[in-house]
N, C-alpha and C. Protein backbone atom coordinates (compact mmCIF):
# COMPACT_ATOMS: atom_id res chain seq x y z
N MET A 1 1.04 -1.54 0.13
CA MET A 1 0.11 0.09 -0.03
C MET A 1 1.05 1.25 -0.20
N VAL A 2 0.70 2.25 -0.87
CA VAL A 2 1.32 3.44 -0.91
C VAL A 2 0.29 4.73 -0.34
N LYS A 3 0.88 5.33 0.56
CA LYS A 3 0.21 6.56 1.35
C LYS A 3 0.80 7.52 0.68
N LEU A 4 0.03 8.62 0.28
CA LEU A 4 0.43 9.95 -0.42
C LEU A 4 0.05 10.90 0.49
N LEU A 5 1.06 11.68 0.92
CA LEU A 5 0.74 13.03 1.77
C LEU A 5 1.03 14.34 0.94
N ASN A 6 0.27 15.25 1.24
CA ASN A 6 0.18 16.62 0.62
C ASN A 6 0.59 16.44 -0.77
N VAL A 7 -0.28 16.00 -1.70
CA VAL A 7 -0.33 15.82 -3.14
C VAL A 7 -1.34 17.01 -3.94
N LEU A 8 -0.64 17.73 -4.79
CA LEU A 8 -1.68 18.46 -5.16
C LEU A 8 -1.80 18.14 -6.75
N ILE A 9 -3.05 18.14 -7.32
CA ILE A 9 -3.19 17.53 -8.54
C ILE A 9 -4.06 18.78 -9.21
N GLN A 10 -3.22 19.40 -10.22
CA GLN A 10 -3.85 20.25 -10.87
C GLN A 10 -3.79 19.69 -12.65
N ASN A 11 -5.36 20.54 -12.95
CA ASN A 11 -5.53 20.15 -14.60
C ASN A 11 -5.72 21.43 -15.39
N ILE A 12 -4.85 22.05 -15.43
CA ILE A 12 -4.62 23.38 -15.99
C ILE A 12 -3.75 22.89 -17.26
N PHE A 13 -4.32 23.45 -18.07
CA PHE A 13 -3.49 23.37 -19.74
C PHE A 13 -3.73 24.65 -20.42
N LEU A 14 -3.06 24.65 -21.37
CA LEU A 14 -2.74 25.76 -22.45
C LEU A 14 -4.02 25.82 -23.51
N ILE A 15 -4.92 27.04 -23.44
CA ILE A 15 -6.10 26.75 -24.37
C ILE A 15 -5.63 27.69 -25.74
N ALA A 16 -4.75 28.72 -25.82
CA ALA A 16 -4.17 29.73 -26.57
C ALA A 16 -2.90 29.92 -26.55
N THR A 17 -2.10 30.05 -27.64
CA THR A 17 -0.63 30.55 -27.70
C THR A 17 -0.71 31.79 -28.40
N ALA A 18 0.59 32.50 -27.97
CA ALA A 18 0.76 33.74 -29.18
C ALA A 18 1.97 34.09 -29.24
N VAL A 19 2.82 34.42 -29.95
CA VAL A 19 4.03 34.48 -30.34
C VAL A 19 4.04 36.35 -30.22
N ASN A 20 4.85 36.92 -29.50
CA ASN A 20 5.28 38.39 -30.08
C ASN A 20 5.96 38.44 -31.02
N PRO A 21 5.64 39.59 -31.79
CA PRO A 21 6.12 39.71 -33.21
C PRO A 21 7.61 39.78 -33.41
N SER A 22 8.17 40.48 -31.61
CA SER A 22 9.46 40.70 -31.68
C SER A 22 10.27 39.56 -31.72
N GLY A 23 9.52 37.99 -31.34
CA GLY A 23 10.06 37.20 -31.20
C GLY A 23 11.03 36.82 -29.55
N LEU A 24 10.70 37.70 -28.64
CA LEU A 24 11.11 38.11 -27.49
C LEU A 24 10.29 37.27 -26.45
N ASN A 25 9.12 36.82 -26.70
CA ASN A 25 8.20 36.64 -25.72
C ASN A 25 7.14 35.56 -26.62
N TRP A 26 6.48 35.15 -25.79
CA TRP A 26 5.17 34.28 -25.69
C TRP A 26 4.70 34.38 -24.77
N VAL A 27 3.28 34.25 -24.93
CA VAL A 27 1.99 33.95 -23.87
C VAL A 27 1.26 32.71 -24.05
N GLY A 28 0.90 32.45 -23.13
CA GLY A 28 -0.23 31.14 -23.01
C GLY A 28 -1.35 31.29 -22.50
N GLN A 29 -2.56 31.29 -22.77
CA GLN A 29 -3.82 31.39 -22.08
C GLN A 29 -4.13 30.00 -21.59
N GLN A 30 -3.99 30.17 -20.17
CA GLN A 30 -4.68 28.61 -19.70
C GLN A 30 -5.99 28.42 -19.16
N SER A 31 -6.31 27.71 -18.85
CA SER A 31 -7.61 26.92 -18.82
C SER A 31 -8.40 27.63 -17.11
N ASN A 32 -7.33 27.70 -16.69
CA ASN A 32 -7.72 28.66 -14.92
C ASN A 32 -7.90 30.20 -15.40
N ASN A 33 -7.98 30.84 -16.52
CA ASN A 33 -8.27 32.10 -16.71
C ASN A 33 -7.08 32.91 -16.37
N LEU A 34 -5.68 32.70 -16.63
CA LEU A 34 -4.57 33.09 -16.31
C LEU A 34 -3.92 33.05 -17.59
N ILE A 35 -3.23 34.57 -18.07
CA ILE A 35 -2.43 34.38 -19.17
C ILE A 35 -1.15 34.76 -18.63
N ILE A 36 0.19 33.47 -19.34
CA ILE A 36 1.21 33.50 -18.79
C ILE A 36 2.30 33.83 -19.94
N VAL A 37 3.28 34.80 -19.34
CA VAL A 37 4.14 35.44 -20.03
C VAL A 37 5.83 34.62 -20.23
N TYR A 38 6.01 34.00 -21.39
CA TYR A 38 7.23 33.67 -20.96
C TYR A 38 8.21 34.15 -22.19
N ASP A 39 9.39 34.60 -21.59
CA ASP A 39 11.08 35.61 -22.02
C ASP A 39 11.68 34.89 -22.38
N LYS A 40 12.41 35.20 -23.82
CA LYS A 40 13.46 34.68 -24.61
C LYS A 40 14.51 34.90 -23.22
N LYS A 41 15.28 33.70 -22.96
CA LYS A 41 16.82 33.54 -22.18
C LYS A 41 17.50 32.90 -22.85
N ALA A 42 18.58 33.41 -23.74
CA ALA A 42 19.38 33.05 -24.63
C ALA A 42 18.67 32.21 -25.45
N GLU A 43 18.64 31.02 -25.69
CA GLU A 43 18.55 30.09 -26.57
C GLU A 43 16.83 29.28 -26.19
N ASN A 44 16.63 29.64 -24.56
CA ASN A 44 15.31 29.21 -24.40
C ASN A 44 14.26 29.94 -23.76
N PHE A 45 12.93 29.67 -23.78
CA PHE A 45 12.06 30.57 -23.27
C PHE A 45 11.62 30.36 -21.88
N ARG A 46 11.39 31.05 -20.89
CA ARG A 46 11.48 30.61 -19.53
C ARG A 46 10.23 31.49 -18.73
N MET A 47 9.05 31.22 -18.07
CA MET A 47 8.23 31.79 -17.88
C MET A 47 8.74 32.60 -16.76
N ASN A 48 8.01 34.01 -16.94
CA ASN A 48 8.33 35.15 -16.09
C ASN A 48 7.09 35.43 -15.28
N ARG A 49 7.73 34.97 -14.28
CA ARG A 49 6.58 34.72 -12.89
C ARG A 49 6.38 36.10 -12.34
N LYS A 50 6.84 37.15 -12.74
CA LYS A 50 6.54 38.67 -12.30
C LYS A 50 5.33 39.38 -13.14
N LYS A 51 5.20 38.40 -14.57
CA LYS A 51 4.23 39.20 -15.11
C LYS A 51 3.29 38.01 -16.17
N ASN A 52 1.67 38.12 -15.01
CA ASN A 52 0.71 37.43 -15.95
C ASN A 52 -0.50 38.42 -15.85
N PHE A 53 -1.57 38.20 -16.41
CA PHE A 53 -2.68 38.50 -16.56
C PHE A 53 -3.82 38.02 -16.23
N LYS A 54 -4.42 38.28 -15.54
CA LYS A 54 -5.97 37.77 -14.63
C LYS A 54 -7.02 38.94 -14.95
N GLY A 55 -8.07 38.07 -15.56
CA GLY A 55 -9.47 39.07 -15.60
C GLY A 55 -10.65 38.21 -16.22
N HIS A 56 -10.49 37.35 -17.14
CA HIS A 56 -11.22 36.51 -17.62
C HIS A 56 -12.11 35.68 -16.65
N VAL A 57 -13.56 35.49 -16.72
CA VAL A 57 -14.06 34.63 -15.48
C VAL A 57 -14.55 33.50 -16.16
N SER A 58 -14.66 33.18 -17.22
CA SER A 58 -15.04 32.00 -17.61
C SER A 58 -14.28 31.02 -18.08
N ALA A 59 -13.88 30.40 -16.77
CA ALA A 59 -12.65 29.06 -17.21
C ALA A 59 -12.92 28.22 -18.15
N GLY A 60 -11.68 27.94 -19.00
CA GLY A 60 -11.80 26.90 -19.66
C GLY A 60 -12.64 26.84 -21.17
N TYR A 61 -13.26 28.25 -21.35
CA TYR A 61 -13.89 28.55 -22.22
C TYR A 61 -12.84 29.87 -23.02
N ALA A 62 -11.54 29.97 -23.15
CA ALA A 62 -11.23 30.93 -24.06
C ALA A 62 -11.37 30.91 -25.31
N CYS A 63 -11.23 31.94 -26.12
CA CYS A 63 -11.39 32.29 -27.36
C CYS A 63 -10.21 32.03 -28.29
N GLY A 64 -9.16 32.85 -27.44
CA GLY A 64 -7.84 33.02 -28.57
C GLY A 64 -7.14 34.33 -27.54
N VAL A 65 -6.07 34.23 -28.19
CA VAL A 65 -4.89 35.39 -27.76
C VAL A 65 -4.12 36.02 -28.73
N THR A 66 -3.63 36.95 -29.07
CA THR A 66 -3.07 37.85 -29.96
C THR A 66 -2.41 38.98 -29.67
N PHE A 67 -0.98 39.34 -30.21
CA PHE A 67 -0.50 40.52 -30.22
C PHE A 67 -1.21 41.29 -31.42
N LEU A 68 -1.18 42.74 -31.10
CA LEU A 68 -1.07 43.73 -32.00
C LEU A 68 0.53 43.80 -32.61
N ALA A 69 0.14 44.03 -33.83
CA ALA A 69 1.33 44.18 -34.87
C ALA A 69 2.60 44.80 -34.27
N ASP A 70 2.06 45.54 -33.25
CA ASP A 70 3.72 46.33 -32.90
C ASP A 70 4.34 45.91 -31.66
N GLY A 71 3.44 44.83 -31.07
CA GLY A 71 4.01 43.51 -29.73
C GLY A 71 4.03 44.47 -28.88
N GLN A 72 3.21 45.68 -28.65
CA GLN A 72 3.10 46.36 -27.41
C GLN A 72 1.63 45.95 -26.48
N ILE A 73 0.90 45.55 -27.48
CA ILE A 73 -0.51 45.26 -26.75
C ILE A 73 -1.01 43.95 -26.60
N LEU A 74 -1.36 43.17 -26.12
CA LEU A 74 -1.79 41.63 -25.97
C LEU A 74 -3.44 41.79 -26.12
N ALA A 75 -4.02 41.21 -26.74
CA ALA A 75 -5.48 41.06 -26.91
C ALA A 75 -6.20 39.87 -26.67
N SER A 76 -6.94 39.55 -25.67
CA SER A 76 -7.58 38.14 -25.71
C SER A 76 -9.17 37.79 -24.87
N GLY A 77 -9.67 37.03 -25.63
CA GLY A 77 -11.22 37.06 -25.34
C GLY A 77 -11.64 35.93 -25.03
N ASP A 78 -12.90 35.74 -24.74
CA ASP A 78 -13.35 34.74 -23.66
C ASP A 78 -14.88 34.23 -24.45
N SER A 79 -15.49 33.30 -24.01
CA SER A 79 -16.97 32.54 -24.54
C SER A 79 -17.79 33.77 -24.25
N GLU A 80 -17.84 34.75 -23.15
CA GLU A 80 -18.79 35.40 -22.82
C GLU A 80 -18.88 36.62 -23.87
N GLY A 81 -17.93 36.67 -24.56
CA GLY A 81 -17.73 37.68 -25.79
C GLY A 81 -16.92 38.89 -25.35
N ARG A 82 -16.28 38.80 -24.33
CA ARG A 82 -15.57 39.74 -23.81
C ARG A 82 -13.78 39.76 -24.32
N VAL A 83 -13.43 41.13 -24.78
CA VAL A 83 -12.25 41.26 -25.59
C VAL A 83 -11.57 42.31 -24.21
N PHE A 84 -10.13 41.21 -23.94
CA PHE A 84 -9.41 42.61 -22.68
C PHE A 84 -7.94 42.76 -23.88
N PHE A 85 -7.60 43.91 -23.28
CA PHE A 85 -6.42 44.67 -23.96
C PHE A 85 -5.34 44.53 -22.51
N TRP A 86 -4.06 44.06 -22.88
CA TRP A 86 -3.27 44.35 -22.04
C TRP A 86 -2.02 44.89 -22.63
N ASP A 87 -1.60 45.63 -21.67
CA ASP A 87 0.17 45.87 -22.16
C ASP A 87 1.12 45.89 -21.21
């Protein structure tokens, strides 16, 4: 018999992704309404733990995420018909 203590199981996954036109970062819209930023560090991308975006309330039903052409503004949408703009 195996006894598990303090086990945390999360069922969070990426619903939509977008790459910044500059190529310096990309974002992932997660099923828990959080948009995570990944910054380019040398040859790899790493999660930027200090920068994320919260606002959507319809978990699991994101419509998409995209950067505007200049890469300065991020737009995300959800199944409620709302569009959020982030800088």
